[in-house]
Amino acid sequence: TALGKRGRIGPFAELYQYSQRFGMHNENAAKQHREIRFGPGSDIEQYLEDTDKYHRYLSFAKLANPMIQQLSKEELDNTDKPGFRLRMTYANQIKDVNLTPVESEGTMMAARLFPGIDTVLHEGGLLVVDELERSLHPLLVAYIVNLFTSPKTNPGKGQLVFTTHNVVFMDKKYLRRDEIWFTEKDNQGYSSLYSLNEIEGVRSNSDYCKSYI
């Protein structure tokens, strides 16, 4: 808006085009229903059809809910909005009863998030996630962070940028000082961004979390 008022759309257009190279996940923008729906041609289809990707997808979903035995797609009947919904089959599921719509928010969040994570890990690029810990167990979030910090599980050298209110990850076993950044609002409502590495007196063996609290 500010650039538009000044007639400087050019720089913003360049920034916007650059941002289109990134993977974005914003749970606030998800539809407010209890199903996981996707349009035709969605990238998630390859995670249901490619054998290797499917097994990685299923293994991750089982971390959120060990009872999940199978993931599949169910075509939507709505001809105006074609696509499919993700269907989860459980170890104790009664025949022909779909329990996916009553699944926990954490499991559904994990199912929506994983394809973006896996793509960036194997093909490279940047994944930006707002409030990574939303509905997810802290150990699952830690697992995701460790996927990116380990060369073995991140062959594509992908990068994860996420916001969080969980101070658990302010720990040297998860992130380096230069990888931890703070946003802080002043009394005028302006936000500043700075790195933990910029704060004087913070040693590499400091307890970041305890000091922050």
N, C-alpha and C. Protein backbone atom coordinates (compact mmCIF):
# COMPACT_ATOMS: atom_id res chain seq x y z
N THR A 1 0.83 -1.20 0.00
CA THR A 1 0.00 0.00 0.00
C THR A 1 0.87 1.25 0.00
N ALA A 2 1.92 1.24 0.84
CA ALA A 2 2.80 2.40 0.92
C ALA A 2 3.51 2.65 -0.41
N LEU A 3 3.99 1.58 -1.04
CA LEU A 3 4.68 1.73 -2.32
C LEU A 3 3.72 2.19 -3.40
N GLY A 4 2.47 1.71 -3.32
CA GLY A 4 1.47 2.10 -4.31
C GLY A 4 1.18 3.58 -4.25
N LYS A 5 1.10 4.15 -3.06
CA LYS A 5 0.84 5.57 -2.89
C LYS A 5 1.98 6.41 -3.43
N ARG A 6 3.17 5.82 -3.43
CA ARG A 6 4.33 6.55 -3.92
C ARG A 6 4.64 6.24 -5.39
N GLY A 7 3.76 5.44 -6.01
CA GLY A 7 3.97 5.10 -7.41
C GLY A 7 5.16 4.21 -7.65
N ARG A 8 5.51 3.39 -6.65
CA ARG A 8 6.70 2.54 -6.78
C ARG A 8 6.30 1.06 -6.76
N ILE A 9 5.47 0.69 -7.70
CA ILE A 9 5.01 -0.69 -7.78
C ILE A 9 6.12 -1.62 -8.27
N GLY A 10 7.05 -1.10 -9.08
CA GLY A 10 8.12 -1.92 -9.67
C GLY A 10 8.88 -2.75 -8.65
N PRO A 11 9.45 -2.12 -7.59
CA PRO A 11 10.20 -2.90 -6.59
C PRO A 11 9.35 -3.96 -5.91
N PHE A 12 8.07 -3.61 -5.65
CA PHE A 12 7.21 -4.59 -5.00
C PHE A 12 6.93 -5.77 -5.93
N ALA A 13 6.74 -5.49 -7.22
CA ALA A 13 6.47 -6.55 -8.19
C ALA A 13 7.64 -7.53 -8.25
N GLU A 14 8.86 -6.98 -8.19
CA GLU A 14 10.04 -7.85 -8.20
C GLU A 14 10.08 -8.72 -6.96
N LEU A 15 9.76 -8.14 -5.81
CA LEU A 15 9.75 -8.89 -4.56
C LEU A 15 8.68 -9.97 -4.59
N TYR A 16 7.50 -9.63 -5.14
CA TYR A 16 6.42 -10.59 -5.22
C TYR A 16 6.80 -11.77 -6.11
N GLN A 17 7.39 -11.48 -7.26
CA GLN A 17 7.80 -12.55 -8.18
C GLN A 17 8.85 -13.44 -7.54
N TYR A 18 9.76 -12.82 -6.77
CA TYR A 18 10.79 -13.59 -6.07
C TYR A 18 10.15 -14.51 -5.04
N SER A 19 9.12 -14.02 -4.34
CA SER A 19 8.48 -14.81 -3.28
C SER A 19 7.73 -16.01 -3.83
N GLN A 20 7.37 -15.97 -5.12
CA GLN A 20 6.63 -17.09 -5.71
C GLN A 20 7.48 -18.35 -5.85
N ARG A 21 8.78 -18.21 -5.65
CA ARG A 21 9.67 -19.36 -5.70
C ARG A 21 9.62 -20.15 -4.41
N PHE A 22 9.02 -19.57 -3.37
CA PHE A 22 9.03 -20.20 -2.06
C PHE A 22 7.79 -21.05 -1.85
N GLY A 23 7.90 -22.04 -0.98
CA GLY A 23 6.73 -22.76 -0.52
C GLY A 23 6.16 -22.02 0.67
N MET A 24 4.85 -21.82 0.72
CA MET A 24 4.23 -21.08 1.81
C MET A 24 3.15 -21.93 2.45
N HIS A 25 3.10 -21.90 3.76
CA HIS A 25 2.00 -22.58 4.44
C HIS A 25 1.47 -21.64 5.51
N ASN A 26 0.23 -21.25 5.37
CA ASN A 26 -0.41 -20.36 6.33
C ASN A 26 -1.71 -21.02 6.78
N GLU A 27 -1.71 -21.56 7.98
CA GLU A 27 -2.88 -22.28 8.46
C GLU A 27 -4.08 -21.36 8.61
N ASN A 28 -3.85 -20.05 8.79
CA ASN A 28 -4.96 -19.11 8.92
C ASN A 28 -5.76 -19.02 7.62
N ALA A 29 -5.11 -19.36 6.50
CA ALA A 29 -5.78 -19.26 5.21
C ALA A 29 -6.51 -20.55 4.84
N ALA A 30 -6.38 -21.60 5.68
CA ALA A 30 -7.04 -22.86 5.37
C ALA A 30 -8.55 -22.72 5.51
N LYS A 31 -9.27 -23.49 4.70
CA LYS A 31 -10.72 -23.44 4.76
C LYS A 31 -11.21 -23.95 6.11
N GLN A 32 -12.26 -23.35 6.60
CA GLN A 32 -12.78 -23.69 7.92
C GLN A 32 -13.74 -24.87 7.86
N HIS A 33 -13.25 -26.01 7.43
CA HIS A 33 -14.05 -27.22 7.51
C HIS A 33 -13.15 -28.34 8.01
N ARG A 34 -13.77 -29.45 8.37
CA ARG A 34 -13.04 -30.53 8.99
C ARG A 34 -12.54 -31.56 7.99
N GLU A 35 -12.44 -31.19 6.74
CA GLU A 35 -11.91 -32.09 5.74
C GLU A 35 -10.65 -31.50 5.13
N ILE A 36 -9.83 -32.37 4.59
CA ILE A 36 -8.61 -31.91 3.92
C ILE A 36 -8.86 -32.05 2.43
N ARG A 37 -9.21 -30.94 1.78
CA ARG A 37 -9.57 -30.96 0.37
C ARG A 37 -8.46 -30.37 -0.50
N PHE A 38 -8.39 -30.87 -1.73
CA PHE A 38 -7.40 -30.39 -2.67
C PHE A 38 -8.03 -30.30 -4.05
N GLY A 39 -7.59 -29.32 -4.83
CA GLY A 39 -8.07 -29.17 -6.18
C GLY A 39 -7.39 -30.14 -7.13
N PRO A 40 -7.92 -30.33 -8.32
CA PRO A 40 -7.31 -31.23 -9.30
C PRO A 40 -5.91 -30.77 -9.66
N GLY A 41 -5.00 -31.72 -9.82
CA GLY A 41 -3.62 -31.39 -10.15
C GLY A 41 -2.78 -30.96 -8.97
N SER A 42 -3.29 -31.12 -7.75
CA SER A 42 -2.55 -30.73 -6.56
C SER A 42 -1.27 -31.55 -6.44
N ASP A 43 -0.21 -30.91 -5.92
CA ASP A 43 1.07 -31.60 -5.75
C ASP A 43 0.94 -32.79 -4.81
N ILE A 44 -0.07 -32.76 -3.94
CA ILE A 44 -0.21 -33.85 -2.97
C ILE A 44 -0.56 -35.17 -3.64
N GLU A 45 -1.08 -35.11 -4.86
CA GLU A 45 -1.45 -36.35 -5.56
C GLU A 45 -0.24 -37.25 -5.74
N GLN A 46 0.92 -36.66 -6.02
CA GLN A 46 2.10 -37.48 -6.24
C GLN A 46 2.52 -38.19 -4.96
N TYR A 47 2.14 -37.62 -3.79
CA TYR A 47 2.46 -38.28 -2.53
C TYR A 47 1.50 -39.42 -2.21
N LEU A 48 0.45 -39.53 -2.97
CA LEU A 48 -0.48 -40.65 -2.82
C LEU A 48 -0.28 -41.69 -3.92
N GLU A 49 0.45 -41.32 -4.98
CA GLU A 49 0.61 -42.21 -6.12
C GLU A 49 2.04 -42.74 -6.29
N ASP A 50 3.05 -41.94 -5.91
CA ASP A 50 4.44 -42.37 -5.99
C ASP A 50 4.77 -43.21 -4.75
N THR A 51 5.30 -44.40 -4.96
CA THR A 51 5.51 -45.35 -3.85
C THR A 51 6.43 -44.80 -2.77
N ASP A 52 7.60 -44.28 -3.15
CA ASP A 52 8.55 -43.77 -2.16
C ASP A 52 7.97 -42.59 -1.39
N LYS A 53 7.37 -41.65 -2.12
CA LYS A 53 6.80 -40.48 -1.46
C LYS A 53 5.64 -40.87 -0.56
N TYR A 54 4.86 -41.84 -1.01
CA TYR A 54 3.72 -42.28 -0.21
C TYR A 54 4.18 -42.85 1.13
N HIS A 55 5.22 -43.67 1.11
CA HIS A 55 5.69 -44.27 2.36
C HIS A 55 6.25 -43.21 3.31
N ARG A 56 6.92 -42.18 2.76
CA ARG A 56 7.40 -41.09 3.62
C ARG A 56 6.21 -40.32 4.20
N TYR A 57 5.20 -40.11 3.38
CA TYR A 57 4.00 -39.39 3.81
C TYR A 57 3.28 -40.16 4.91
N LEU A 58 3.09 -41.45 4.71
CA LEU A 58 2.39 -42.28 5.69
C LEU A 58 3.17 -42.34 7.01
N SER A 59 4.49 -42.48 6.92
CA SER A 59 5.32 -42.54 8.13
C SER A 59 5.20 -41.27 8.94
N PHE A 60 5.16 -40.13 8.26
CA PHE A 60 5.03 -38.85 8.96
C PHE A 60 3.65 -38.72 9.60
N ALA A 61 2.60 -39.12 8.87
CA ALA A 61 1.25 -39.05 9.42
C ALA A 61 1.11 -39.93 10.65
N LYS A 62 1.79 -41.07 10.65
CA LYS A 62 1.72 -41.99 11.79
C LYS A 62 2.41 -41.42 13.02
N LEU A 63 3.33 -40.46 12.83
CA LEU A 63 3.92 -39.80 13.98
C LEU A 63 2.87 -38.98 14.72
N ALA A 64 1.92 -38.42 13.97
CA ALA A 64 0.85 -37.64 14.58
C ALA A 64 -0.24 -38.55 15.14
N ASN A 65 -0.51 -39.66 14.45
CA ASN A 65 -1.52 -40.62 14.91
C ASN A 65 -1.08 -42.02 14.49
N PRO A 66 -0.52 -42.80 15.41
CA PRO A 66 -0.02 -44.14 15.08
C PRO A 66 -1.10 -45.10 14.57
N MET A 67 -2.38 -44.76 14.77
CA MET A 67 -3.46 -45.64 14.34
C MET A 67 -3.71 -45.59 12.83
N ILE A 68 -3.16 -44.57 12.16
CA ILE A 68 -3.36 -44.44 10.71
C ILE A 68 -2.62 -45.56 9.98
N GLN A 69 -3.33 -46.28 9.13
CA GLN A 69 -2.75 -47.39 8.39
C GLN A 69 -2.64 -47.11 6.89
N GLN A 70 -3.44 -46.17 6.40
CA GLN A 70 -3.44 -45.93 4.96
C GLN A 70 -3.94 -44.52 4.67
N LEU A 71 -3.39 -43.91 3.63
CA LEU A 71 -3.83 -42.61 3.13
C LEU A 71 -4.28 -42.80 1.68
N SER A 72 -5.37 -42.20 1.31
CA SER A 72 -5.87 -42.33 -0.05
C SER A 72 -6.67 -41.08 -0.39
N LYS A 73 -7.06 -40.96 -1.65
CA LYS A 73 -7.87 -39.81 -2.06
C LYS A 73 -9.26 -40.28 -2.44
N GLU A 74 -10.21 -39.43 -2.13
CA GLU A 74 -11.62 -39.70 -2.42
C GLU A 74 -12.14 -38.56 -3.28
N GLU A 75 -12.53 -38.86 -4.52
CA GLU A 75 -12.97 -37.83 -5.44
C GLU A 75 -14.22 -37.12 -4.92
N LEU A 76 -14.27 -35.79 -5.12
CA LEU A 76 -15.42 -35.01 -4.68
C LEU A 76 -16.55 -35.13 -5.69
N ASP A 77 -17.77 -35.13 -5.20
CA ASP A 77 -18.94 -35.24 -6.07
C ASP A 77 -19.32 -33.90 -6.70
N ASN A 78 -18.82 -32.81 -6.11
CA ASN A 78 -19.19 -31.47 -6.55
C ASN A 78 -18.55 -31.16 -7.91
N THR A 79 -19.36 -31.07 -8.94
CA THR A 79 -18.82 -30.80 -10.28
C THR A 79 -18.38 -29.35 -10.45
N ASP A 80 -18.94 -28.44 -9.62
CA ASP A 80 -18.56 -27.03 -9.70
C ASP A 80 -17.16 -26.80 -9.16
N LYS A 81 -16.78 -27.61 -8.15
CA LYS A 81 -15.46 -27.50 -7.55
C LYS A 81 -14.82 -28.88 -7.52
N PRO A 82 -14.32 -29.34 -8.67
CA PRO A 82 -13.72 -30.68 -8.73
C PRO A 82 -12.47 -30.77 -7.88
N GLY A 83 -12.13 -31.98 -7.52
CA GLY A 83 -10.95 -32.21 -6.70
C GLY A 83 -11.13 -33.48 -5.89
N PHE A 84 -10.41 -33.56 -4.78
CA PHE A 84 -10.52 -34.74 -3.95
C PHE A 84 -10.26 -34.38 -2.49
N ARG A 85 -10.68 -35.24 -1.61
CA ARG A 85 -10.40 -35.09 -0.18
C ARG A 85 -9.46 -36.21 0.25
N LEU A 86 -8.63 -35.91 1.23
CA LEU A 86 -7.72 -36.91 1.77
C LEU A 86 -8.49 -37.82 2.72
N ARG A 87 -8.33 -39.12 2.55
CA ARG A 87 -9.01 -40.08 3.40
C ARG A 87 -7.98 -40.87 4.20
N MET A 88 -8.22 -41.00 5.48
CA MET A 88 -7.33 -41.76 6.36
C MET A 88 -8.05 -43.03 6.80
N THR A 89 -7.35 -44.16 6.71
CA THR A 89 -7.89 -45.43 7.17
C THR A 89 -7.14 -45.84 8.43
N TYR A 90 -7.86 -46.28 9.43
CA TYR A 90 -7.28 -46.56 10.74
C TYR A 90 -7.25 -48.05 11.04
N ALA A 91 -6.40 -48.43 11.98
CA ALA A 91 -6.24 -49.83 12.33
C ALA A 91 -7.54 -50.42 12.89
N ASN A 92 -8.31 -49.61 13.60
CA ASN A 92 -9.53 -50.11 14.24
C ASN A 92 -10.78 -49.54 13.59
N GLN A 93 -10.66 -49.11 12.31
CA GLN A 93 -11.79 -48.46 11.66
C GLN A 93 -12.86 -49.47 11.25
N ILE A 94 -14.11 -49.13 11.53
CA ILE A 94 -15.23 -49.95 11.08
C ILE A 94 -15.36 -49.81 9.58
N LYS A 95 -15.69 -50.88 8.91
CA LYS A 95 -15.77 -50.88 7.45
C LYS A 95 -16.69 -49.78 6.94
N ASP A 96 -16.20 -49.05 5.94
CA ASP A 96 -16.96 -48.01 5.24
C ASP A 96 -17.32 -46.81 6.11
N VAL A 97 -16.67 -46.65 7.25
CA VAL A 97 -16.89 -45.47 8.09
C VAL A 97 -15.66 -44.58 7.99
N ASN A 98 -15.84 -43.37 7.49
CA ASN A 98 -14.72 -42.44 7.30
C ASN A 98 -14.60 -41.55 8.53
N LEU A 99 -13.54 -41.74 9.29
CA LEU A 99 -13.34 -40.96 10.52
C LEU A 99 -12.48 -39.72 10.29
N THR A 100 -12.02 -39.50 9.05
CA THR A 100 -11.14 -38.37 8.78
C THR A 100 -11.72 -37.03 9.23
N PRO A 101 -13.02 -36.74 8.99
CA PRO A 101 -13.55 -35.43 9.39
C PRO A 101 -13.52 -35.16 10.89
N VAL A 102 -13.39 -36.20 11.72
CA VAL A 102 -13.34 -35.97 13.17
C VAL A 102 -11.93 -36.19 13.71
N GLU A 103 -10.95 -36.22 12.83
CA GLU A 103 -9.57 -36.37 13.24
C GLU A 103 -9.12 -35.10 13.96
N SER A 104 -8.09 -35.23 14.80
CA SER A 104 -7.60 -34.08 15.56
C SER A 104 -6.99 -33.04 14.63
N GLU A 105 -6.97 -31.80 15.09
CA GLU A 105 -6.39 -30.71 14.29
C GLU A 105 -4.91 -30.96 14.06
N GLY A 106 -4.23 -31.56 15.05
CA GLY A 106 -2.80 -31.81 14.90
C GLY A 106 -2.49 -32.76 13.77
N THR A 107 -3.27 -33.86 13.67
CA THR A 107 -3.06 -34.83 12.61
C THR A 107 -3.37 -34.22 11.25
N MET A 108 -4.44 -33.43 11.18
CA MET A 108 -4.81 -32.80 9.92
C MET A 108 -3.77 -31.76 9.51
N MET A 109 -3.24 -31.05 10.48
CA MET A 109 -2.18 -30.08 10.21
C MET A 109 -0.95 -30.79 9.65
N ALA A 110 -0.58 -31.91 10.26
CA ALA A 110 0.58 -32.67 9.80
C ALA A 110 0.37 -33.17 8.38
N ALA A 111 -0.85 -33.63 8.07
CA ALA A 111 -1.15 -34.15 6.74
C ALA A 111 -1.07 -33.05 5.69
N ARG A 112 -1.50 -31.84 6.04
CA ARG A 112 -1.44 -30.73 5.08
C ARG A 112 -0.02 -30.23 4.88
N LEU A 113 0.77 -30.29 5.94
CA LEU A 113 2.09 -29.66 5.94
C LEU A 113 3.17 -30.51 5.30
N PHE A 114 3.07 -31.83 5.44
CA PHE A 114 4.20 -32.69 5.07
C PHE A 114 4.63 -32.59 3.61
N PRO A 115 3.72 -32.61 2.62
CA PRO A 115 4.19 -32.55 1.24
C PRO A 115 5.11 -31.37 0.95
N GLY A 116 4.80 -30.21 1.53
CA GLY A 116 5.66 -29.04 1.35
C GLY A 116 7.01 -29.23 2.00
N ILE A 117 7.02 -29.83 3.18
CA ILE A 117 8.27 -30.12 3.88
C ILE A 117 9.14 -31.06 3.06
N ASP A 118 8.55 -32.15 2.62
CA ASP A 118 9.30 -33.19 1.91
C ASP A 118 9.84 -32.68 0.59
N THR A 119 9.06 -31.88 -0.12
CA THR A 119 9.51 -31.35 -1.41
C THR A 119 10.74 -30.48 -1.24
N VAL A 120 10.72 -29.60 -0.25
CA VAL A 120 11.86 -28.70 -0.02
C VAL A 120 13.08 -29.48 0.45
N LEU A 121 12.87 -30.51 1.28
CA LEU A 121 13.99 -31.31 1.77
C LEU A 121 14.71 -32.02 0.62
N HIS A 122 13.97 -32.50 -0.35
CA HIS A 122 14.57 -33.32 -1.42
C HIS A 122 14.90 -32.53 -2.67
N GLU A 123 14.21 -31.42 -2.90
CA GLU A 123 14.45 -30.66 -4.13
C GLU A 123 15.08 -29.30 -3.87
N GLY A 124 15.21 -28.92 -2.61
CA GLY A 124 15.78 -27.62 -2.27
C GLY A 124 14.72 -26.53 -2.27
N GLY A 125 15.13 -25.33 -1.89
CA GLY A 125 14.20 -24.20 -1.84
C GLY A 125 13.96 -23.75 -0.41
N LEU A 126 12.93 -22.96 -0.26
CA LEU A 126 12.61 -22.36 1.04
C LEU A 126 11.14 -22.62 1.37
N LEU A 127 10.88 -23.07 2.59
CA LEU A 127 9.52 -23.25 3.08
C LEU A 127 9.30 -22.29 4.23
N VAL A 128 8.25 -21.47 4.13
CA VAL A 128 7.92 -20.50 5.18
C VAL A 128 6.62 -20.93 5.84
N VAL A 129 6.63 -21.11 7.16
CA VAL A 129 5.45 -21.57 7.89
C VAL A 129 5.17 -20.62 9.05
N ASP A 130 3.96 -20.11 9.10
CA ASP A 130 3.54 -19.25 10.19
C ASP A 130 3.05 -20.11 11.35
N GLU A 131 3.64 -19.92 12.53
CA GLU A 131 3.27 -20.65 13.74
C GLU A 131 3.34 -22.17 13.51
N LEU A 132 4.54 -22.65 13.36
CA LEU A 132 4.77 -24.07 13.08
C LEU A 132 4.18 -24.97 14.15
N GLU A 133 4.13 -24.49 15.37
CA GLU A 133 3.67 -25.35 16.47
C GLU A 133 2.16 -25.45 16.57
N ARG A 134 1.43 -24.79 15.67
CA ARG A 134 -0.03 -24.77 15.75
C ARG A 134 -0.59 -26.20 15.71
N SER A 135 -1.19 -26.61 16.78
CA SER A 135 -1.87 -27.91 16.92
C SER A 135 -0.93 -29.11 16.90
N LEU A 136 0.37 -28.90 16.73
CA LEU A 136 1.30 -30.02 16.66
C LEU A 136 1.97 -30.26 18.02
N HIS A 137 2.22 -31.52 18.32
CA HIS A 137 2.93 -31.87 19.54
C HIS A 137 4.36 -31.32 19.46
N PRO A 138 4.91 -30.79 20.57
CA PRO A 138 6.27 -30.22 20.53
C PRO A 138 7.32 -31.19 20.00
N LEU A 139 7.17 -32.48 20.29
CA LEU A 139 8.16 -33.45 19.79
C LEU A 139 8.07 -33.60 18.28
N LEU A 140 6.87 -33.45 17.71
CA LEU A 140 6.72 -33.52 16.26
C LEU A 140 7.33 -32.28 15.61
N VAL A 141 7.15 -31.13 16.24
CA VAL A 141 7.76 -29.90 15.72
C VAL A 141 9.29 -30.02 15.77
N ALA A 142 9.80 -30.57 16.88
CA ALA A 142 11.25 -30.77 17.01
C ALA A 142 11.74 -31.72 15.92
N TYR A 143 10.96 -32.73 15.61
CA TYR A 143 11.30 -33.68 14.55
C TYR A 143 11.42 -32.96 13.21
N ILE A 144 10.47 -32.06 12.94
CA ILE A 144 10.49 -31.31 11.68
C ILE A 144 11.74 -30.44 11.59
N VAL A 145 12.05 -29.74 12.69
CA VAL A 145 13.24 -28.88 12.70
C VAL A 145 14.49 -29.70 12.46
N ASN A 146 14.56 -30.86 13.12
CA ASN A 146 15.75 -31.72 12.96
C ASN A 146 15.87 -32.27 11.55
N LEU A 147 14.75 -32.44 10.84
CA LEU A 147 14.82 -32.89 9.45
C LEU A 147 15.62 -31.90 8.60
N PHE A 148 15.46 -30.61 8.91
CA PHE A 148 16.13 -29.58 8.12
C PHE A 148 17.58 -29.38 8.54
N THR A 149 17.89 -29.64 9.79
CA THR A 149 19.25 -29.39 10.27
C THR A 149 20.19 -30.57 10.04
N SER A 150 19.65 -31.72 9.65
CA SER A 150 20.48 -32.89 9.40
C SER A 150 20.74 -33.05 7.90
N PRO A 151 22.00 -33.10 7.47
CA PRO A 151 22.32 -33.29 6.05
C PRO A 151 21.75 -34.61 5.51
N LYS A 152 21.62 -35.60 6.37
CA LYS A 152 21.12 -36.91 5.94
C LYS A 152 19.67 -36.83 5.49
N THR A 153 18.86 -36.08 6.21
CA THR A 153 17.43 -35.98 5.87
C THR A 153 17.11 -34.75 5.03
N ASN A 154 18.12 -33.93 4.75
CA ASN A 154 17.93 -32.73 3.94
C ASN A 154 18.91 -32.71 2.78
N PRO A 155 18.83 -33.72 1.89
CA PRO A 155 19.80 -33.79 0.78
C PRO A 155 19.69 -32.63 -0.19
N GLY A 156 18.50 -32.02 -0.28
CA GLY A 156 18.32 -30.90 -1.19
C GLY A 156 18.76 -29.57 -0.61
N LYS A 157 19.25 -29.59 0.64
CA LYS A 157 19.69 -28.38 1.34
C LYS A 157 18.58 -27.33 1.40
N GLY A 158 17.36 -27.79 1.67
CA GLY A 158 16.23 -26.89 1.81
C GLY A 158 16.32 -26.08 3.09
N GLN A 159 15.61 -24.96 3.10
CA GLN A 159 15.63 -24.07 4.27
C GLN A 159 14.22 -23.90 4.81
N LEU A 160 14.11 -23.91 6.11
CA LEU A 160 12.83 -23.70 6.80
C LEU A 160 12.90 -22.40 7.58
N VAL A 161 11.95 -21.51 7.34
CA VAL A 161 11.79 -20.29 8.14
C VAL A 161 10.41 -20.38 8.77
N PHE A 162 10.36 -20.35 10.10
CA PHE A 162 9.07 -20.47 10.76
C PHE A 162 8.98 -19.50 11.94
N THR A 163 7.76 -19.09 12.22
CA THR A 163 7.51 -18.29 13.42
C THR A 163 6.96 -19.22 14.49
N THR A 164 7.23 -18.89 15.74
CA THR A 164 6.77 -19.71 16.85
C THR A 164 6.72 -18.88 18.13
N HIS A 165 5.82 -19.27 19.03
CA HIS A 165 5.79 -18.70 20.36
C HIS A 165 6.38 -19.67 21.38
N ASN A 166 6.85 -20.81 20.90
CA ASN A 166 7.35 -21.86 21.77
C ASN A 166 8.85 -21.66 22.02
N VAL A 167 9.18 -21.31 23.25
CA VAL A 167 10.58 -21.02 23.58
C VAL A 167 11.42 -22.28 23.71
N VAL A 168 10.80 -23.46 23.63
CA VAL A 168 11.55 -24.71 23.71
C VAL A 168 12.64 -24.77 22.64
N PHE A 169 12.38 -24.15 21.49
CA PHE A 169 13.32 -24.24 20.38
C PHE A 169 14.45 -23.22 20.48
N MET A 170 14.44 -22.45 21.55
CA MET A 170 15.58 -21.57 21.81
C MET A 170 16.63 -22.38 22.57
N ASP A 171 17.15 -23.37 21.88
CA ASP A 171 18.08 -24.32 22.50
C ASP A 171 19.13 -24.68 21.47
N LYS A 172 20.39 -24.70 21.91
CA LYS A 172 21.48 -24.96 20.98
C LYS A 172 21.43 -26.35 20.37
N LYS A 173 20.65 -27.29 20.97
CA LYS A 173 20.55 -28.61 20.37
C LYS A 173 19.63 -28.60 19.15
N TYR A 174 18.86 -27.51 19.00
CA TYR A 174 17.99 -27.37 17.83
C TYR A 174 18.54 -26.34 16.83
N LEU A 175 18.93 -25.17 17.34
CA LEU A 175 19.30 -24.07 16.45
C LEU A 175 20.53 -23.34 16.97
N ARG A 176 21.31 -22.79 16.03
CA ARG A 176 22.44 -21.95 16.40
C ARG A 176 21.94 -20.55 16.77
N ARG A 177 22.81 -19.77 17.38
CA ARG A 177 22.43 -18.41 17.78
C ARG A 177 22.02 -17.56 16.58
N ASP A 178 22.72 -17.72 15.46
CA ASP A 178 22.40 -16.90 14.29
C ASP A 178 21.13 -17.37 13.59
N GLU A 179 20.58 -18.52 14.00
CA GLU A 179 19.35 -19.03 13.40
C GLU A 179 18.11 -18.64 14.21
N ILE A 180 18.32 -18.03 15.36
CA ILE A 180 17.20 -17.62 16.23
C ILE A 180 17.04 -16.10 16.13
N TRP A 181 15.85 -15.67 15.70
CA TRP A 181 15.58 -14.25 15.52
C TRP A 181 14.35 -13.86 16.32
N PHE A 182 14.35 -12.61 16.77
CA PHE A 182 13.24 -12.10 17.57
C PHE A 182 12.52 -10.98 16.81
N THR A 183 11.21 -10.90 16.97
CA THR A 183 10.47 -9.73 16.52
C THR A 183 9.92 -9.05 17.76
N GLU A 184 10.03 -7.74 17.80
CA GLU A 184 9.61 -6.98 18.99
C GLU A 184 8.92 -5.69 18.56
N LYS A 185 7.74 -5.48 19.11
CA LYS A 185 6.99 -4.26 18.81
C LYS A 185 7.31 -3.18 19.83
N ASP A 186 7.39 -1.94 19.34
CA ASP A 186 7.56 -0.82 20.27
C ASP A 186 6.18 -0.24 20.58
N ASN A 187 6.14 0.84 21.35
CA ASN A 187 4.85 1.40 21.78
C ASN A 187 4.11 2.11 20.64
N GLN A 188 4.75 2.22 19.48
CA GLN A 188 4.09 2.79 18.31
C GLN A 188 3.52 1.70 17.39
N GLY A 189 3.80 0.45 17.74
CA GLY A 189 3.30 -0.65 16.93
C GLY A 189 4.25 -1.09 15.83
N TYR A 190 5.46 -0.50 15.80
CA TYR A 190 6.44 -0.89 14.79
C TYR A 190 7.23 -2.11 15.28
N SER A 191 7.47 -3.04 14.38
CA SER A 191 8.21 -4.25 14.74
C SER A 191 9.65 -4.17 14.27
N SER A 192 10.55 -4.64 15.10
CA SER A 192 11.95 -4.74 14.72
C SER A 192 12.36 -6.21 14.75
N LEU A 193 13.33 -6.55 13.93
CA LEU A 193 13.79 -7.93 13.81
C LEU A 193 15.29 -7.95 14.08
N TYR A 194 15.69 -8.82 14.99
CA TYR A 194 17.12 -8.92 15.28
C TYR A 194 17.47 -10.35 15.70
N SER A 195 18.73 -10.69 15.53
CA SER A 195 19.19 -12.05 15.79
C SER A 195 19.71 -12.19 17.21
N LEU A 196 19.58 -13.39 17.75
CA LEU A 196 20.16 -13.68 19.07
C LEU A 196 21.66 -13.47 19.02
N ASN A 197 22.25 -13.67 17.86
CA ASN A 197 23.69 -13.53 17.70
C ASN A 197 24.15 -12.09 17.86
N GLU A 198 23.20 -11.13 17.74
CA GLU A 198 23.55 -9.71 17.85
C GLU A 198 23.55 -9.23 19.29
N ILE A 199 23.03 -10.03 20.21
CA ILE A 199 22.94 -9.62 21.61
C ILE A 199 24.27 -9.89 22.31
N GLU A 200 24.84 -8.88 22.88
CA GLU A 200 26.14 -9.02 23.54
C GLU A 200 26.01 -9.83 24.83
N GLY A 201 27.05 -10.58 25.13
CA GLY A 201 27.09 -11.33 26.39
C GLY A 201 26.46 -12.71 26.32
N VAL A 202 25.92 -13.09 25.16
CA VAL A 202 25.31 -14.43 25.03
C VAL A 202 26.37 -15.39 24.51
N ARG A 203 26.75 -16.34 25.35
CA ARG A 203 27.77 -17.31 24.97
C ARG A 203 27.12 -18.52 24.29
N SER A 204 27.92 -19.28 23.58
CA SER A 204 27.40 -20.45 22.87
C SER A 204 26.89 -21.52 23.82
N ASN A 205 27.37 -21.52 25.07
CA ASN A 205 26.93 -22.51 26.04
C ASN A 205 25.86 -21.95 26.99
N SER A 206 25.31 -20.77 26.67
CA SER A 206 24.27 -20.17 27.51
C SER A 206 22.96 -20.93 27.38
N ASP A 207 22.13 -20.83 28.41
CA ASP A 207 20.78 -21.38 28.37
C ASP A 207 19.88 -20.30 27.80
N TYR A 208 19.69 -20.30 26.45
CA TYR A 208 18.95 -19.24 25.80
C TYR A 208 17.53 -19.13 26.33
N CYS A 209 16.88 -20.26 26.47
CA CYS A 209 15.47 -20.28 26.89
C CYS A 209 15.31 -19.67 28.27
N LYS A 210 16.14 -20.10 29.23
CA LYS A 210 16.05 -19.60 30.60
C LYS A 210 16.32 -18.10 30.64
N SER A 211 17.31 -17.65 29.89
CA SER A 211 17.64 -16.22 29.87
C SER A 211 16.51 -15.40 29.28
N TYR A 212 15.88 -15.92 28.23
CA TYR A 212 14.78 -15.21 27.58
C TYR A 212 13.58 -15.07 28.53
N ILE A 213 13.26 -16.16 29.20
CA ILE A 213 12.12 -16.14 30.14
C ILE A 213 12.40 -15.16 31.27
